[in-house]
């Protein structure tokens, strides 16, 4: 799998405001932004992102995923600190 395929899977399944995917091989980093994350625990946010990827993780097409999920307000504050 490549980053384009991972991004498309997440876009199709979740319809979030923003999704950024980077990585290489079978290791990916996902940054997701959506108002629906408001009030969710970090674990719930990660479970939401992992769900559409589980089949590929189980098949070992995806070996590792790092997830950062933000509300739009959090993203406005934190994106200056991130290197996308």
Protein backbone atom coordinates (compact mmCIF):
# COMPACT_ATOMS: atom_id res chain seq x y z
CA UNK A 1 0.00 0.00 0.00
CA UNK A 2 1.07 3.56 -0.55
CA UNK A 3 0.03 6.80 1.14
CA UNK A 4 -2.49 7.59 -1.62
CA UNK A 5 -4.32 4.31 -1.00
CA UNK A 6 -4.32 4.81 2.78
CA UNK A 7 -5.64 8.37 2.40
CA UNK A 8 -8.39 7.21 0.01
CA UNK A 9 -9.47 4.45 2.43
CA UNK A 10 -9.76 6.98 5.25
CA UNK A 11 -11.46 9.61 3.06
CA UNK A 12 -14.04 7.13 1.79
CA UNK A 13 -14.81 5.65 5.20
CA UNK A 14 -14.74 8.71 7.45
CA UNK A 15 -15.45 11.91 5.44
CA UNK A 16 -13.36 14.03 7.80
CA UNK A 17 -12.58 17.72 7.25
CA UNK A 18 -8.88 17.03 6.70
CA UNK A 19 -6.72 13.91 6.49
CA UNK A 20 -2.96 14.02 6.00
CA UNK A 21 -1.03 10.79 5.49
CA UNK A 22 2.70 10.36 5.20
CA UNK A 23 5.02 7.43 5.52
CA UNK A 24 6.87 4.80 3.58
CA UNK A 25 6.86 1.06 3.25
CA UNK A 26 4.20 -0.21 5.62
CA UNK A 27 4.61 2.52 8.29
CA UNK A 28 2.24 5.50 8.18
CA UNK A 29 1.52 8.67 10.08
CA UNK A 30 -2.04 10.00 9.96
CA UNK A 31 -3.19 13.45 11.01
CA UNK A 32 -6.98 13.75 11.05
CA UNK A 33 -9.04 16.89 11.66
CA UNK A 34 -12.79 16.99 12.27
CA UNK A 35 -15.34 18.64 14.54
CA UNK A 36 -16.69 15.18 15.45
CA UNK A 37 -13.59 14.64 17.61
CA UNK A 38 -14.88 17.24 20.10
CA UNK A 39 -15.24 15.61 23.51
CA UNK A 40 -13.82 12.24 22.37
CA UNK A 41 -11.02 10.58 24.30
CA UNK A 42 -7.71 10.01 22.56
CA UNK A 43 -8.47 6.26 22.46
CA UNK A 44 -11.89 6.78 20.83
CA UNK A 45 -10.34 9.05 18.18
CA UNK A 46 -7.70 6.44 17.39
CA UNK A 47 -10.27 3.63 17.25
CA UNK A 48 -12.28 5.64 14.73
CA UNK A 49 -9.23 6.08 12.49
CA UNK A 50 -8.02 2.49 12.90
CA UNK A 51 -11.39 0.91 12.01
CA UNK A 52 -11.18 1.29 8.20
CA UNK A 53 -7.54 0.16 8.26
CA UNK A 54 -7.94 -3.00 10.38
CA UNK A 55 -8.27 -5.39 7.43
CA UNK A 56 -4.99 -4.11 6.00
CA UNK A 57 -3.25 -4.18 9.38
CA UNK A 58 -4.35 -7.80 9.91
CA UNK A 59 -3.04 -8.73 6.44
CA UNK A 60 0.21 -6.93 7.29
CA UNK A 61 -0.18 -4.53 4.32
CA UNK A 62 0.07 -1.87 7.01
CA UNK A 63 2.53 -2.62 9.78
CA UNK A 64 2.39 0.53 11.91
CA UNK A 65 0.15 3.60 12.11
CA UNK A 66 0.77 6.70 14.18
CA UNK A 67 -2.41 8.74 14.63
CA UNK A 68 -2.92 12.32 15.70
CA UNK A 69 -6.54 13.51 15.72
CA UNK A 70 -7.57 17.11 16.25
CA UNK A 71 -10.69 19.25 16.34
CA UNK A 72 -10.44 22.19 13.90
CA UNK A 73 -9.64 24.50 16.84
CA UNK A 74 -6.88 22.21 18.12
CA UNK A 75 -5.52 21.90 14.59
CA UNK A 76 -5.34 25.68 14.12
CA UNK A 77 -3.32 25.88 17.34
CA UNK A 78 -1.09 22.82 16.82
CA UNK A 79 -0.38 22.68 13.08
CA UNK A 80 2.29 25.33 13.42
CA UNK A 81 4.24 22.82 15.50
CA UNK A 82 3.88 19.96 13.01
CA UNK A 83 5.90 19.31 9.88
CA UNK A 84 3.51 18.13 7.16
